Amino acid sequence: MLAIKIREERVFWARDRCDETVFRLRTVRDSRYRYIRNFTPERPFLQPNEYKKSAYPVWGLLPQLHAEGKLTPVQEFYCAPTLPEEELYDLQSDPYEIRNLAQSPEYQSALIRLRAALEKWIADTHDQGRVLEPSELAARKGMTKEGTNPQTGYTLDGNTNSPAAKPKRSTR
């Protein structure tokens, strides 16, 4: 008899800071389930973010509708003051990831299996997100040098005479 070992395929994701919004979450999915680990569950999904506030109208609309009591229970998730530490979704029966099954006893084997796979991936890849960056870096909204716009290299006051504002010349 020929035995063939089939390797289960998984996809891993990571998300950390985007501009001034600090999250640390990792996720893994297989052919059926998606597991999400929120390492910063004390932070709300709708953390302040200037870019999202200006680029995505719904970013400001959700808190307004929440305050007016006009959101559905599914929409309310995005306005919660915290995130669940763990999330598990059955992608066959819930492709839009609405029902978090992490606390459901009948899904514990999937939760434990994917949690272990994610922990192994974090260790094997030497995940650099294991330690959050200093809060003062996030407070600078993505600027590695204080007072510099990370998108243009210009100082925030518009001064183009600063060293950061001058384009580098090619030496070729």
N, C-alpha and C. Protein backbone atom coordinates (compact mmCIF):
# COMPACT_ATOMS: atom_id res chain seq x y z
N MET A 1 0.85 -1.18 0.00
CA MET A 1 0.00 0.00 0.00
C MET A 1 0.89 1.24 0.00
N LEU A 2 0.54 2.19 -0.83
CA LEU A 2 1.29 3.43 -0.95
C LEU A 2 0.65 4.50 -0.06
N ALA A 3 1.42 5.05 0.84
CA ALA A 3 0.91 6.12 1.71
C ALA A 3 1.46 7.46 1.20
N ILE A 4 0.59 8.39 1.02
CA ILE A 4 0.98 9.71 0.56
C ILE A 4 0.65 10.71 1.65
N LYS A 5 1.65 11.48 2.04
CA LYS A 5 1.42 12.51 3.05
C LYS A 5 1.09 13.81 2.32
N ILE A 6 -0.08 14.34 2.58
CA ILE A 6 -0.50 15.59 1.98
C ILE A 6 -0.27 16.71 2.98
N ARG A 7 0.49 17.69 2.58
CA ARG A 7 0.78 18.83 3.45
C ARG A 7 -0.39 19.80 3.38
N GLU A 8 -0.87 20.15 4.55
CA GLU A 8 -1.98 21.10 4.60
C GLU A 8 -1.45 22.50 4.27
N GLU A 9 -2.08 23.16 3.32
CA GLU A 9 -1.67 24.50 2.92
C GLU A 9 -2.30 25.54 3.84
N ARG A 10 -1.49 26.50 4.22
CA ARG A 10 -1.96 27.59 5.06
C ARG A 10 -1.39 28.89 4.52
N VAL A 11 -2.10 29.97 4.79
CA VAL A 11 -1.63 31.31 4.43
C VAL A 11 -1.58 32.12 5.72
N PHE A 12 -0.50 32.87 5.90
CA PHE A 12 -0.29 33.68 7.09
C PHE A 12 -0.26 35.15 6.71
N TRP A 13 -0.76 36.00 7.60
CA TRP A 13 -0.74 37.45 7.41
C TRP A 13 -0.23 38.11 8.69
N ALA A 14 0.25 39.33 8.54
CA ALA A 14 0.66 40.13 9.69
C ALA A 14 0.25 41.57 9.45
N ARG A 15 -0.15 42.23 10.51
CA ARG A 15 -0.45 43.66 10.42
C ARG A 15 0.05 44.32 11.70
N ASP A 16 0.74 45.42 11.50
CA ASP A 16 1.23 46.20 12.63
C ASP A 16 0.77 47.64 12.44
N ARG A 17 1.64 48.60 12.64
CA ARG A 17 1.25 50.01 12.57
C ARG A 17 1.04 50.45 11.13
N CYS A 18 -0.01 51.23 10.93
CA CYS A 18 -0.26 51.95 9.68
C CYS A 18 -0.40 53.41 10.07
N ASP A 19 0.57 54.23 9.67
CA ASP A 19 0.62 55.63 10.08
C ASP A 19 0.61 55.67 11.61
N GLU A 20 -0.31 56.41 12.20
CA GLU A 20 -0.33 56.53 13.66
C GLU A 20 -1.17 55.45 14.34
N THR A 21 -1.77 54.56 13.59
CA THR A 21 -2.64 53.52 14.14
C THR A 21 -1.81 52.28 14.45
N VAL A 22 -1.75 51.93 15.71
CA VAL A 22 -0.93 50.81 16.15
C VAL A 22 -1.82 49.61 16.44
N PHE A 23 -1.60 48.56 15.70
CA PHE A 23 -2.20 47.25 15.93
C PHE A 23 -1.07 46.24 15.89
N ARG A 24 -1.29 45.11 16.48
CA ARG A 24 -0.45 43.96 16.20
C ARG A 24 -1.40 42.79 16.11
N LEU A 25 -1.61 42.32 14.89
CA LEU A 25 -2.42 41.13 14.72
C LEU A 25 -1.77 40.21 13.72
N ARG A 26 -2.01 38.95 13.94
CA ARG A 26 -1.50 37.90 13.06
C ARG A 26 -2.68 36.99 12.75
N THR A 27 -2.66 36.42 11.56
CA THR A 27 -3.75 35.54 11.18
C THR A 27 -3.24 34.42 10.29
N VAL A 28 -3.93 33.30 10.35
CA VAL A 28 -3.62 32.16 9.51
C VAL A 28 -4.95 31.57 9.03
N ARG A 29 -4.95 31.12 7.79
CA ARG A 29 -6.14 30.44 7.30
C ARG A 29 -5.73 29.18 6.57
N ASP A 30 -6.62 28.22 6.64
CA ASP A 30 -6.45 27.00 5.86
C ASP A 30 -7.64 26.93 4.91
N SER A 31 -7.91 25.76 4.38
CA SER A 31 -8.98 25.66 3.39
C SER A 31 -10.37 25.89 3.99
N ARG A 32 -10.49 25.81 5.30
CA ARG A 32 -11.81 25.96 5.91
C ARG A 32 -11.92 27.10 6.92
N TYR A 33 -10.89 27.32 7.72
CA TYR A 33 -11.00 28.26 8.83
C TYR A 33 -10.00 29.42 8.70
N ARG A 34 -10.35 30.52 9.35
CA ARG A 34 -9.43 31.64 9.52
C ARG A 34 -9.35 31.93 11.01
N TYR A 35 -8.11 31.95 11.52
CA TYR A 35 -7.84 32.26 12.91
C TYR A 35 -7.12 33.60 12.96
N ILE A 36 -7.57 34.49 13.86
CA ILE A 36 -6.96 35.80 14.04
C ILE A 36 -6.55 35.94 15.49
N ARG A 37 -5.32 36.37 15.72
CA ARG A 37 -4.86 36.66 17.08
C ARG A 37 -4.59 38.15 17.15
N ASN A 38 -5.35 38.83 18.00
CA ASN A 38 -5.18 40.26 18.24
C ASN A 38 -4.27 40.42 19.45
N PHE A 39 -3.03 40.84 19.22
CA PHE A 39 -2.08 41.02 20.30
C PHE A 39 -2.26 42.36 21.00
N THR A 40 -3.10 43.23 20.44
CA THR A 40 -3.41 44.53 21.06
C THR A 40 -4.92 44.65 21.20
N PRO A 41 -5.55 43.71 21.95
CA PRO A 41 -7.01 43.71 22.04
C PRO A 41 -7.58 44.91 22.79
N GLU A 42 -6.73 45.59 23.54
CA GLU A 42 -7.21 46.76 24.30
C GLU A 42 -7.46 47.97 23.40
N ARG A 43 -7.10 47.88 22.15
CA ARG A 43 -7.27 49.00 21.22
C ARG A 43 -8.52 48.77 20.37
N PRO A 44 -9.27 49.82 20.10
CA PRO A 44 -10.47 49.65 19.27
C PRO A 44 -10.12 49.50 17.80
N PHE A 45 -10.99 48.86 17.05
CA PHE A 45 -10.80 48.73 15.61
C PHE A 45 -10.71 50.11 14.96
N LEU A 46 -11.58 51.02 15.37
CA LEU A 46 -11.61 52.37 14.79
C LEU A 46 -10.68 53.32 15.54
N GLN A 47 -9.41 52.95 15.63
CA GLN A 47 -8.44 53.85 16.24
C GLN A 47 -8.30 55.10 15.39
N PRO A 48 -7.91 56.21 15.98
CA PRO A 48 -7.70 57.43 15.20
C PRO A 48 -6.68 57.21 14.08
N ASN A 49 -7.00 57.69 12.89
CA ASN A 49 -6.11 57.60 11.75
C ASN A 49 -6.49 58.72 10.79
N GLU A 50 -5.63 59.70 10.66
CA GLU A 50 -5.93 60.86 9.82
C GLU A 50 -6.18 60.49 8.37
N TYR A 51 -5.38 59.58 7.82
CA TYR A 51 -5.57 59.20 6.42
C TYR A 51 -6.92 58.53 6.21
N LYS A 52 -7.25 57.56 7.05
CA LYS A 52 -8.53 56.87 6.88
C LYS A 52 -9.71 57.82 7.10
N LYS A 53 -9.53 58.75 8.03
CA LYS A 53 -10.59 59.73 8.29
C LYS A 53 -10.87 60.58 7.04
N SER A 54 -9.83 60.92 6.29
CA SER A 54 -10.02 61.76 5.10
C SER A 54 -10.33 60.94 3.85
N ALA A 55 -9.85 59.71 3.76
CA ALA A 55 -10.01 58.92 2.54
C ALA A 55 -11.23 58.00 2.54
N TYR A 56 -11.70 57.62 3.72
CA TYR A 56 -12.81 56.67 3.81
C TYR A 56 -13.97 57.32 4.56
N PRO A 57 -14.98 57.79 3.88
CA PRO A 57 -16.10 58.46 4.57
C PRO A 57 -16.75 57.61 5.66
N VAL A 58 -16.76 56.31 5.49
CA VAL A 58 -17.40 55.44 6.49
C VAL A 58 -16.65 55.48 7.82
N TRP A 59 -15.36 55.84 7.79
CA TRP A 59 -14.56 55.89 9.01
C TRP A 59 -15.16 56.86 10.03
N GLY A 60 -15.65 58.00 9.56
CA GLY A 60 -16.29 58.96 10.45
C GLY A 60 -17.77 58.69 10.65
N LEU A 61 -18.37 58.03 9.66
CA LEU A 61 -19.81 57.76 9.73
C LEU A 61 -20.15 56.68 10.75
N LEU A 62 -19.33 55.65 10.86
CA LEU A 62 -19.63 54.56 11.80
C LEU A 62 -19.77 55.05 13.24
N PRO A 63 -18.83 55.85 13.77
CA PRO A 63 -19.01 56.32 15.15
C PRO A 63 -20.27 57.19 15.32
N GLN A 64 -20.59 57.95 14.29
CA GLN A 64 -21.80 58.79 14.35
C GLN A 64 -23.05 57.91 14.42
N LEU A 65 -23.14 56.93 13.54
CA LEU A 65 -24.30 56.02 13.54
C LEU A 65 -24.34 55.19 14.83
N HIS A 66 -23.18 54.84 15.35
CA HIS A 66 -23.11 54.12 16.62
C HIS A 66 -23.72 54.98 17.74
N ALA A 67 -23.32 56.24 17.80
CA ALA A 67 -23.84 57.15 18.83
C ALA A 67 -25.34 57.34 18.71
N GLU A 68 -25.86 57.26 17.49
CA GLU A 68 -27.29 57.42 17.25
C GLU A 68 -28.06 56.11 17.39
N GLY A 69 -27.34 55.00 17.67
CA GLY A 69 -27.99 53.70 17.82
C GLY A 69 -28.54 53.14 16.53
N LYS A 70 -27.93 53.46 15.40
CA LYS A 70 -28.45 53.06 14.09
C LYS A 70 -27.67 51.93 13.42
N LEU A 71 -26.76 51.29 14.14
CA LEU A 71 -25.98 50.21 13.54
C LEU A 71 -26.60 48.85 13.86
N THR A 72 -26.40 47.91 12.96
CA THR A 72 -26.82 46.53 13.21
C THR A 72 -25.81 45.91 14.18
N PRO A 73 -26.13 44.79 14.80
CA PRO A 73 -25.16 44.13 15.68
C PRO A 73 -23.84 43.80 14.96
N VAL A 74 -23.90 43.41 13.72
CA VAL A 74 -22.69 43.11 12.95
C VAL A 74 -21.85 44.37 12.78
N GLN A 75 -22.47 45.49 12.46
CA GLN A 75 -21.75 46.76 12.30
C GLN A 75 -21.19 47.27 13.62
N GLU A 76 -21.86 46.99 14.71
CA GLU A 76 -21.42 47.43 16.03
C GLU A 76 -20.03 46.91 16.39
N PHE A 77 -19.68 45.75 15.85
CA PHE A 77 -18.36 45.16 16.11
C PHE A 77 -17.25 46.19 15.88
N TYR A 78 -17.37 46.98 14.82
CA TYR A 78 -16.31 47.93 14.45
C TYR A 78 -16.23 49.12 15.41
N CYS A 79 -17.25 49.33 16.20
CA CYS A 79 -17.27 50.45 17.16
C CYS A 79 -17.01 50.01 18.59
N ALA A 80 -16.75 48.74 18.80
CA ALA A 80 -16.49 48.24 20.15
C ALA A 80 -15.22 48.89 20.70
N PRO A 81 -15.14 49.10 21.99
CA PRO A 81 -13.96 49.75 22.57
C PRO A 81 -12.72 48.85 22.59
N THR A 82 -12.92 47.55 22.40
CA THR A 82 -11.81 46.60 22.38
C THR A 82 -12.04 45.57 21.28
N LEU A 83 -11.02 44.78 21.00
CA LEU A 83 -11.13 43.68 20.05
C LEU A 83 -11.08 42.36 20.81
N PRO A 84 -11.66 41.31 20.27
CA PRO A 84 -11.49 40.02 20.92
C PRO A 84 -10.03 39.58 20.80
N GLU A 85 -9.53 38.90 21.79
CA GLU A 85 -8.13 38.44 21.74
C GLU A 85 -7.93 37.42 20.63
N GLU A 86 -8.94 36.57 20.42
CA GLU A 86 -8.86 35.56 19.37
C GLU A 86 -10.17 35.55 18.59
N GLU A 87 -10.03 35.26 17.30
CA GLU A 87 -11.20 35.12 16.44
C GLU A 87 -11.01 33.87 15.59
N LEU A 88 -12.10 33.17 15.34
CA LEU A 88 -12.07 31.99 14.48
C LEU A 88 -13.33 32.01 13.64
N TYR A 89 -13.16 31.85 12.34
CA TYR A 89 -14.30 31.86 11.41
C TYR A 89 -14.28 30.62 10.55
N ASP A 90 -15.45 30.03 10.35
CA ASP A 90 -15.64 28.90 9.45
C ASP A 90 -15.98 29.50 8.09
N LEU A 91 -15.02 29.47 7.18
CA LEU A 91 -15.18 30.14 5.89
C LEU A 91 -16.16 29.43 4.95
N GLN A 92 -16.47 28.18 5.25
CA GLN A 92 -17.47 27.49 4.43
C GLN A 92 -18.88 27.95 4.77
N SER A 93 -19.18 28.06 6.06
CA SER A 93 -20.53 28.45 6.46
C SER A 93 -20.67 29.95 6.70
N ASP A 94 -19.54 30.66 6.81
CA ASP A 94 -19.55 32.08 7.13
C ASP A 94 -18.43 32.80 6.34
N PRO A 95 -18.56 32.89 5.02
CA PRO A 95 -17.47 33.47 4.22
C PRO A 95 -17.21 34.95 4.47
N TYR A 96 -18.15 35.65 5.10
CA TYR A 96 -17.97 37.08 5.38
C TYR A 96 -17.42 37.32 6.79
N GLU A 97 -17.10 36.25 7.49
CA GLU A 97 -16.49 36.32 8.82
C GLU A 97 -17.30 37.18 9.78
N ILE A 98 -18.54 36.78 9.97
CA ILE A 98 -19.46 37.51 10.84
C ILE A 98 -19.51 36.89 12.24
N ARG A 99 -19.53 35.56 12.30
CA ARG A 99 -19.72 34.85 13.57
C ARG A 99 -18.41 34.32 14.12
N ASN A 100 -17.91 34.94 15.18
CA ASN A 100 -16.66 34.53 15.81
C ASN A 100 -16.92 33.24 16.61
N LEU A 101 -16.22 32.17 16.24
CA LEU A 101 -16.42 30.87 16.86
C LEU A 101 -15.36 30.53 17.90
N ALA A 102 -14.50 31.47 18.24
CA ALA A 102 -13.37 31.18 19.13
C ALA A 102 -13.81 30.65 20.49
N GLN A 103 -14.97 31.04 20.96
CA GLN A 103 -15.44 30.58 22.27
C GLN A 103 -16.37 29.37 22.18
N SER A 104 -16.65 28.92 20.98
CA SER A 104 -17.58 27.79 20.80
C SER A 104 -16.88 26.46 21.05
N PRO A 105 -17.39 25.67 22.00
CA PRO A 105 -16.74 24.39 22.33
C PRO A 105 -16.56 23.46 21.14
N GLU A 106 -17.50 23.43 20.22
CA GLU A 106 -17.40 22.49 19.09
C GLU A 106 -16.31 22.86 18.08
N TYR A 107 -15.70 24.04 18.21
CA TYR A 107 -14.65 24.47 17.27
C TYR A 107 -13.28 24.55 17.93
N GLN A 108 -13.15 24.03 19.15
CA GLN A 108 -11.89 24.15 19.86
C GLN A 108 -10.74 23.41 19.19
N SER A 109 -11.01 22.29 18.53
CA SER A 109 -9.90 21.57 17.87
C SER A 109 -9.32 22.41 16.73
N ALA A 110 -10.17 23.08 15.96
CA ALA A 110 -9.68 23.96 14.88
C ALA A 110 -8.93 25.15 15.47
N LEU A 111 -9.47 25.72 16.54
CA LEU A 111 -8.82 26.86 17.20
C LEU A 111 -7.43 26.47 17.70
N ILE A 112 -7.33 25.36 18.39
CA ILE A 112 -6.05 24.92 18.96
C ILE A 112 -5.05 24.61 17.84
N ARG A 113 -5.50 23.95 16.78
CA ARG A 113 -4.63 23.60 15.65
C ARG A 113 -4.08 24.84 14.96
N LEU A 114 -4.94 25.82 14.69
CA LEU A 114 -4.49 27.02 13.99
C LEU A 114 -3.69 27.95 14.91
N ARG A 115 -4.04 27.99 16.17
CA ARG A 115 -3.25 28.77 17.13
C ARG A 115 -1.82 28.24 17.18
N ALA A 116 -1.67 26.92 17.24
CA ALA A 116 -0.34 26.30 17.28
C ALA A 116 0.42 26.58 15.97
N ALA A 117 -0.27 26.51 14.84
CA ALA A 117 0.39 26.79 13.55
C ALA A 117 0.88 28.24 13.51
N LEU A 118 0.08 29.15 14.02
CA LEU A 118 0.48 30.56 14.03
C LEU A 118 1.66 30.79 14.97
N GLU A 119 1.61 30.20 16.16
CA GLU A 119 2.73 30.35 17.10
C GLU A 119 4.02 29.81 16.51
N LYS A 120 3.93 28.69 15.81
CA LYS A 120 5.11 28.11 15.16
C LYS A 120 5.62 29.03 14.06
N TRP A 121 4.72 29.58 13.26
CA TRP A 121 5.12 30.50 12.19
C TRP A 121 5.80 31.74 12.76
N ILE A 122 5.26 32.29 13.85
CA ILE A 122 5.86 33.47 14.49
C ILE A 122 7.29 33.15 14.93
N ALA A 123 7.49 31.98 15.53
CA ALA A 123 8.82 31.58 15.98
C ALA A 123 9.75 31.30 14.79
N ASP A 124 9.25 30.54 13.83
CA ASP A 124 10.08 30.14 12.68
C ASP A 124 10.52 31.33 11.83
N THR A 125 9.69 32.35 11.74
CA THR A 125 10.01 33.50 10.89
C THR A 125 10.71 34.62 11.67
N HIS A 126 10.91 34.40 12.96
CA HIS A 126 11.50 35.44 13.82
C HIS A 126 10.72 36.74 13.65
N ASP A 127 9.42 36.62 13.77
CA ASP A 127 8.49 37.74 13.59
C ASP A 127 8.98 38.97 14.36
N GLN A 128 9.25 40.04 13.63
CA GLN A 128 9.77 41.27 14.23
C GLN A 128 8.69 42.05 14.97
N GLY A 129 7.44 41.65 14.82
CA GLY A 129 6.36 42.34 15.51
C GLY A 129 6.13 41.84 16.92
N ARG A 130 6.99 40.93 17.40
CA ARG A 130 6.80 40.40 18.75
C ARG A 130 6.89 41.47 19.82
N VAL A 131 7.64 42.52 19.53
CA VAL A 131 7.79 43.63 20.47
C VAL A 131 7.23 44.87 19.78
N LEU A 132 6.28 45.52 20.43
CA LEU A 132 5.72 46.74 19.85
C LEU A 132 6.79 47.83 19.83
N GLU A 133 6.71 48.66 18.81
CA GLU A 133 7.65 49.77 18.71
C GLU A 133 7.36 50.80 19.80
N PRO A 134 8.30 51.69 20.07
CA PRO A 134 8.06 52.70 21.10
C PRO A 134 6.87 53.58 20.75
N SER A 135 6.08 53.94 21.75
CA SER A 135 4.88 54.73 21.51
C SER A 135 5.19 56.08 20.90
N GLU A 136 6.37 56.65 21.18
CA GLU A 136 6.70 57.95 20.61
C GLU A 136 6.87 57.88 19.09
N LEU A 137 7.27 56.72 18.55
CA LEU A 137 7.36 56.58 17.10
C LEU A 137 5.97 56.61 16.47
N ALA A 138 5.03 55.91 17.07
CA ALA A 138 3.65 55.95 16.57
C ALA A 138 3.06 57.35 16.70
N ALA A 139 3.40 58.04 17.76
CA ALA A 139 2.89 59.40 17.96
C ALA A 139 3.38 60.35 16.87
N ARG A 140 4.52 60.02 16.24
CA ARG A 140 5.03 60.86 15.15
C ARG A 140 4.36 60.52 13.82
N LYS A 141 3.34 59.66 13.84
CA LYS A 141 2.52 59.32 12.67
C LYS A 141 3.35 58.81 11.49
N GLY A 142 4.30 57.96 11.77
CA GLY A 142 5.06 57.35 10.70
C GLY A 142 6.35 58.06 10.36
N MET A 143 6.61 59.20 10.95
CA MET A 143 7.83 59.94 10.66
C MET A 143 8.99 59.30 11.41
N THR A 144 10.05 58.94 10.71
CA THR A 144 11.21 58.39 11.40
C THR A 144 12.08 59.50 11.96
N LYS A 145 12.05 60.67 11.33
CA LYS A 145 12.73 61.85 11.86
C LYS A 145 11.67 62.87 12.19
N GLU A 146 11.70 63.37 13.40
CA GLU A 146 10.70 64.32 13.84
C GLU A 146 10.61 65.52 12.91
N GLY A 147 9.36 65.89 12.54
CA GLY A 147 9.14 67.06 11.70
C GLY A 147 9.23 66.79 10.21
N THR A 148 9.40 65.55 9.80
CA THR A 148 9.54 65.21 8.39
C THR A 148 8.31 64.45 7.90
N ASN A 149 7.77 64.85 6.78
CA ASN A 149 6.63 64.16 6.18
C ASN A 149 7.15 62.88 5.53
N PRO A 150 6.69 61.70 5.96
CA PRO A 150 7.24 60.45 5.43
C PRO A 150 6.91 60.22 3.96
N GLN A 151 5.92 60.89 3.41
CA GLN A 151 5.56 60.70 2.01
C GLN A 151 6.41 61.56 1.06
N THR A 152 6.88 62.69 1.51
CA THR A 152 7.57 63.60 0.60
C THR A 152 9.01 63.87 0.97
N GLY A 153 9.37 63.69 2.22
CA GLY A 153 10.71 64.04 2.67
C GLY A 153 10.81 65.50 3.06
N TYR A 154 9.76 66.27 2.85
CA TYR A 154 9.77 67.68 3.22
C TYR A 154 9.42 67.82 4.69
N THR A 155 9.88 68.89 5.29
CA THR A 155 9.48 69.14 6.66
C THR A 155 8.01 69.51 6.65
N LEU A 156 7.36 69.28 7.76
CA LEU A 156 5.92 69.53 7.84
C LEU A 156 5.56 71.00 7.67
N ASP A 157 6.53 71.91 7.93
CA ASP A 157 6.24 73.34 7.76
C ASP A 157 6.42 73.79 6.31
N GLY A 158 6.76 72.85 5.41
CA GLY A 158 6.90 73.19 4.00
C GLY A 158 8.29 73.66 3.62
N ASN A 159 9.22 73.70 4.55
CA ASN A 159 10.57 74.15 4.29
C ASN A 159 11.30 73.15 3.41
N THR A 160 11.65 73.57 2.20
CA THR A 160 12.34 72.67 1.28
C THR A 160 13.85 72.82 1.38
N ASN A 161 14.33 73.62 2.32
CA ASN A 161 15.77 73.81 2.47
C ASN A 161 16.39 72.85 3.48
N SER A 162 15.56 72.03 4.12
CA SER A 162 16.11 71.10 5.09
C SER A 162 16.81 69.96 4.36
N PRO A 163 17.79 69.31 4.99
CA PRO A 163 18.48 68.19 4.34
C PRO A 163 17.52 67.08 3.93
N ALA A 164 16.48 66.83 4.71
CA ALA A 164 15.53 65.76 4.37
C ALA A 164 14.74 66.10 3.12
N ALA A 165 14.61 67.39 2.81
CA ALA A 165 13.80 67.80 1.68
C ALA A 165 14.55 67.75 0.37
N LYS A 166 15.87 67.74 0.42
CA LYS A 166 16.65 67.78 -0.81
C LYS A 166 16.73 66.39 -1.42
N PRO A 167 16.42 66.27 -2.72
CA PRO A 167 16.51 64.96 -3.36
C PRO A 167 17.96 64.52 -3.47
N LYS A 168 18.17 63.24 -3.35
CA LYS A 168 19.50 62.67 -3.48
C LYS A 168 19.85 62.60 -4.97
N ARG A 169 21.08 62.95 -5.31
CA ARG A 169 21.53 62.91 -6.71
C ARG A 169 22.23 61.58 -6.95
N SER A 170 22.00 61.06 -8.12
CA SER A 170 22.63 59.82 -8.50
C SER A 170 24.12 60.05 -8.72
N THR A 171 24.95 59.10 -8.34
CA THR A 171 26.39 59.22 -8.54
C THR A 171 26.86 58.40 -9.72
N ARG A 172 25.95 57.91 -10.53
CA ARG A 172 26.33 57.09 -11.69
C ARG A 172 26.89 57.91 -12.80
